[in-house]
Protein backbone atom coordinates (compact mmCIF):
# COMPACT_ATOMS: atom_id res chain seq x y z
CA MET A 1 8.09 20.47 1.14
CA GLN A 2 10.82 20.11 3.71
CA LEU A 3 13.55 17.52 4.15
CA PRO A 4 14.10 16.96 7.88
CA GLU A 5 17.19 15.56 9.55
CA THR A 6 15.34 12.31 10.29
CA THR A 7 17.19 9.43 8.65
CA LYS A 8 17.61 5.67 8.88
CA GLU A 9 21.06 4.11 9.09
CA ASN A 10 22.10 0.62 8.05
CA LYS A 11 24.42 -1.66 10.03
CA GLN A 12 27.51 0.11 8.65
CA GLY A 13 26.17 3.47 9.91
CA GLN A 14 25.46 4.78 6.39
CA VAL A 15 22.33 6.86 5.83
CA ARG A 16 19.93 5.02 3.49
CA SER A 17 16.96 7.34 3.16
CA LEU A 18 15.41 10.62 4.19
CA ASN A 19 11.71 11.25 4.78
CA MET A 20 10.01 14.22 3.11
CA PHE A 21 7.26 16.05 4.99
CA CYS A 22 4.90 18.88 4.10
CA SER A 23 6.21 22.10 5.62
CA SER A 24 2.61 23.19 6.45
CA CYS A 25 0.79 20.13 7.80
CA HIS A 26 3.83 17.87 8.47
CA ALA A 27 2.29 14.93 6.56
CA LEU A 28 4.72 12.35 5.19
CA LEU A 29 4.87 13.00 1.42
CA GLY A 30 7.56 10.51 0.43
CA PHE A 31 11.21 9.72 0.90
CA PHE A 32 14.56 10.25 -0.75
CA ASN A 33 16.68 7.11 -1.15
CA PHE A 34 20.43 7.81 -1.12
CA ARG A 35 21.25 4.38 -2.56
CA THR A 36 19.22 4.92 -5.74
CA VAL A 37 19.47 8.74 -5.66
CA ALA A 38 15.74 8.98 -6.26
CA ALA A 39 12.73 10.50 -4.55
CA THR A 40 9.55 8.48 -4.14
CA LEU A 41 6.35 10.48 -3.67
CA LEU A 42 3.32 8.91 -2.01
CA LYS A 43 0.66 10.06 -4.47
CA TRP A 44 -2.23 9.47 -2.08
CA GLN A 45 -0.60 11.92 0.36
CA LEU A 46 -0.41 14.78 -2.17
CA THR A 47 -3.13 17.29 -2.92
CA CYS A 48 -3.21 18.95 -6.29
CA ASN A 49 -5.67 21.08 -8.19
CA SER A 50 -6.83 19.35 -11.34
CA GLU A 51 -9.90 19.12 -13.56
CA SER A 52 -10.40 15.44 -12.72
CA GLY A 53 -10.72 16.10 -9.00
CA GLY A 54 -8.43 15.53 -6.04
CA SER A 55 -5.60 13.13 -5.35
CA PRO A 56 -6.00 9.39 -5.87
CA SER A 57 -6.70 7.24 -2.81
CA ILE A 58 -4.30 4.59 -1.51
CA SER A 59 -6.68 1.98 -2.93
CA GLU A 60 -6.52 3.53 -6.42
CA CYS A 61 -2.71 3.82 -6.29
CA LEU A 62 -2.30 0.20 -5.20
CA ALA A 63 -4.78 -1.01 -7.84
CA ALA A 64 -2.75 0.82 -10.52
CA THR A 65 0.48 -0.71 -9.18
CA LEU A 66 -1.02 -4.21 -9.17
CA THR A 67 -2.35 -3.76 -12.72
CA SER A 68 1.11 -2.66 -13.85
CA THR A 69 2.76 -5.59 -12.03
CA ILE A 70 0.41 -8.08 -13.70
CA ALA A 71 1.08 -6.56 -17.15
CA ARG A 72 4.85 -6.62 -16.58
CA SER A 73 5.29 -10.03 -14.93
CA GLY A 74 2.15 -11.97 -15.85
CA SER A 75 1.73 -12.91 -12.18
CA SER A 76 -1.53 -12.11 -10.42
CA LYS A 77 -0.03 -12.68 -6.95
CA SER A 78 1.77 -9.95 -5.02
CA LEU A 79 3.26 -9.48 -1.58
CA ILE A 80 2.70 -5.95 -0.23
CA ILE A 81 5.72 -5.46 2.02
CA PRO A 82 6.47 -2.50 4.31
CA ILE A 83 9.33 -0.24 3.25
CA THR A 84 12.01 -0.72 5.89
CA GLU A 85 14.39 1.97 4.69
CA THR A 86 12.34 4.94 5.88
CA VAL A 87 11.76 6.23 9.36
CA LEU A 88 8.07 5.67 9.96
CA GLN A 89 7.81 6.29 13.70
CA LYS A 90 5.62 9.17 14.79
CA GLU A 91 7.55 12.43 15.03
CA PRO A 92 6.55 14.93 17.73
CA SER A 93 5.43 17.33 14.97
CA GLN A 94 3.25 14.67 13.31
CA GLU A 95 0.28 14.54 15.63
CA GLY A 96 -2.50 12.32 14.38
CA VAL A 97 -0.25 10.08 12.24
CA ASP A 98 -1.54 6.52 12.25
CA ASN A 99 1.30 4.06 12.87
CA THR A 100 -0.76 0.97 12.14
CA ASN A 101 1.32 -1.99 10.97
CA GLU A 102 4.50 -1.13 12.89
CA GLU A 103 5.06 -4.87 13.36
CA GLY A 104 5.65 -5.38 9.65
CA THR A 105 2.51 -7.23 8.53
CA VAL A 106 2.57 -8.22 4.86
CA ILE A 107 -0.52 -8.49 2.64
CA HIS A 108 -0.50 -11.44 0.24
CA ILE A 109 -2.78 -10.50 -2.67
CA TRP A 110 -4.10 -12.68 -5.49
CA VAL A 111 -5.98 -10.66 -8.14
CA LEU A 112 -8.98 -12.59 -9.51
CA ASN A 113 -10.42 -9.94 -11.83
CA SER A 114 -8.65 -6.64 -12.44
CA SER A 115 -11.62 -4.90 -14.05
CA ILE A 116 -15.06 -5.11 -12.48
CA VAL A 117 -17.75 -2.52 -11.79
CA TYR A 118 -20.01 -2.61 -8.75
CA SER A 119 -22.50 -0.37 -7.01
CA SER A 120 -23.41 -0.19 -3.36
CA SER A 121 -26.03 1.55 -1.26
CA SER A 122 -23.19 2.69 1.02
CA SER A 123 -21.71 4.75 -1.82
CA SER A 124 -23.37 7.66 -3.58
CA GLY A 125 -21.06 7.45 -6.60
CA GLY A 126 -23.15 5.02 -8.66
CA SER A 127 -21.00 2.52 -10.57
CA ILE A 128 -17.56 2.03 -9.04
CA PRO A 129 -14.65 0.52 -11.01
CA ALA A 130 -12.63 -1.95 -8.92
CA MET A 131 -10.54 -5.09 -8.92
CA LYS A 132 -11.68 -8.23 -7.13
CA LEU A 133 -9.01 -10.10 -5.20
CA LEU A 134 -8.18 -12.58 -2.50
CA TYR A 135 -5.98 -11.40 0.37
CA ARG A 136 -4.46 -12.69 3.58
CA LEU A 137 -2.10 -11.25 6.15
CA LEU A 138 1.32 -12.80 6.71
CA PRO A 139 4.18 -12.14 9.12
CA HIS A 140 7.16 -10.44 7.46
CA SER A 141 9.39 -13.50 8.04
CA GLU A 142 7.00 -15.79 6.12
CA ALA A 143 6.82 -13.36 3.20
CA GLU A 144 10.64 -13.12 3.05
CA HIS A 145 10.83 -16.93 3.01
CA MET A 146 8.29 -17.07 0.14
CA LEU A 147 10.29 -14.55 -1.92
CA GLU A 148 13.49 -16.58 -1.47
CA GLU A 149 11.89 -19.74 -2.92
CA VAL A 150 12.75 -20.53 -6.53
CA THR A 151 9.12 -21.34 -7.29
CA CYS A 152 7.72 -18.08 -5.85
CA GLU A 153 4.98 -16.68 -8.12
CA ALA A 154 4.37 -13.53 -6.06
CA GLN A 155 5.81 -10.15 -7.01
CA GLU A 156 7.11 -7.79 -4.31
CA VAL A 157 5.38 -4.42 -3.97
CA ASN A 158 6.68 -2.00 -1.31
CA LEU A 159 4.61 0.56 0.59
CA PRO A 160 5.16 2.48 3.84
CA ALA A 161 3.92 0.56 6.87
CA GLU A 162 1.12 3.04 7.67
CA ALA A 163 -0.08 2.84 4.04
CA ILE A 164 -0.32 -0.95 4.40
CA GLY A 165 -2.43 -0.38 7.50
CA GLU A 166 -4.78 1.82 5.43
CA VAL A 167 -4.95 -0.82 2.67
CA ILE A 168 -5.92 -3.46 5.24
CA LYS A 169 -8.72 -1.19 6.49
CA CYS A 170 -9.95 -0.61 2.90
CA LEU A 171 -9.92 -4.33 2.11
CA ASP A 172 -11.68 -5.29 5.36
CA LYS A 173 -14.35 -2.64 4.70
CA SER A 174 -14.84 -3.86 1.12
CA THR A 175 -15.34 -7.43 2.32
CA THR A 176 -18.51 -6.34 4.10
CA LEU A 177 -19.99 -5.30 0.72
CA LEU A 178 -20.01 -8.94 -0.41
CA PRO A 179 -22.63 -11.56 0.50
CA LYS A 180 -21.58 -13.45 3.66
CA ALA A 181 -21.17 -16.72 1.76
CA GLU A 182 -18.66 -15.10 -0.63
CA ARG A 183 -16.39 -13.30 1.87
CA VAL A 184 -13.94 -16.13 2.53
CA PHE A 185 -12.20 -18.72 0.34
CA LYS A 186 -10.12 -21.24 2.33
CA GLU A 187 -7.48 -19.15 4.21
CA TRP A 188 -8.12 -16.09 2.01
CA GLN A 189 -10.54 -13.20 2.42
CA VAL A 190 -12.28 -11.74 -0.63
CA GLY A 191 -12.04 -8.00 -1.16
CA LEU A 192 -12.29 -5.13 -3.62
CA LEU A 193 -9.81 -2.37 -4.46
CA THR A 194 -11.24 0.79 -6.00
CA ARG A 195 -9.58 1.66 -9.33
């Protein structure tokens, strides 16, 4: 793992965070936050040898985070907001990095059932554990306004912008597994997150 010179500065010119990349493949592995003096690793970006298989997917990591958030706060609504303190623009050495969601799209999620099992002909894995949820995309400004309200029920969950782009793709793909009549509820789309 290498720590490059790439940093993000705040308005006072102070460095807030430092991205961490793999020294071999140059994939973004996480970031070091100088304010909290802590490193955050993006588990879905890591590969490790284990008896249970490979690394968890972004869907599995987000499902675990949402389950933990529900247990801690009792709220089944979350706002998945892009992390703004890291440098997420494509570096010359990071060919093939998907910079989806550079505009700062937020996913508003409402978990309906955190523990279901489904099977699909498009998957060879048999029974798949998942959570069923409603989701909709919001502009960052609307999400910030929601979080400032005293009556806000949603919990804030932060992910890198490109990870949010991947989550959107996963949710949109999962929506196609549902019967057409059950894919939309008012302004929300219905989706599944693999656990």
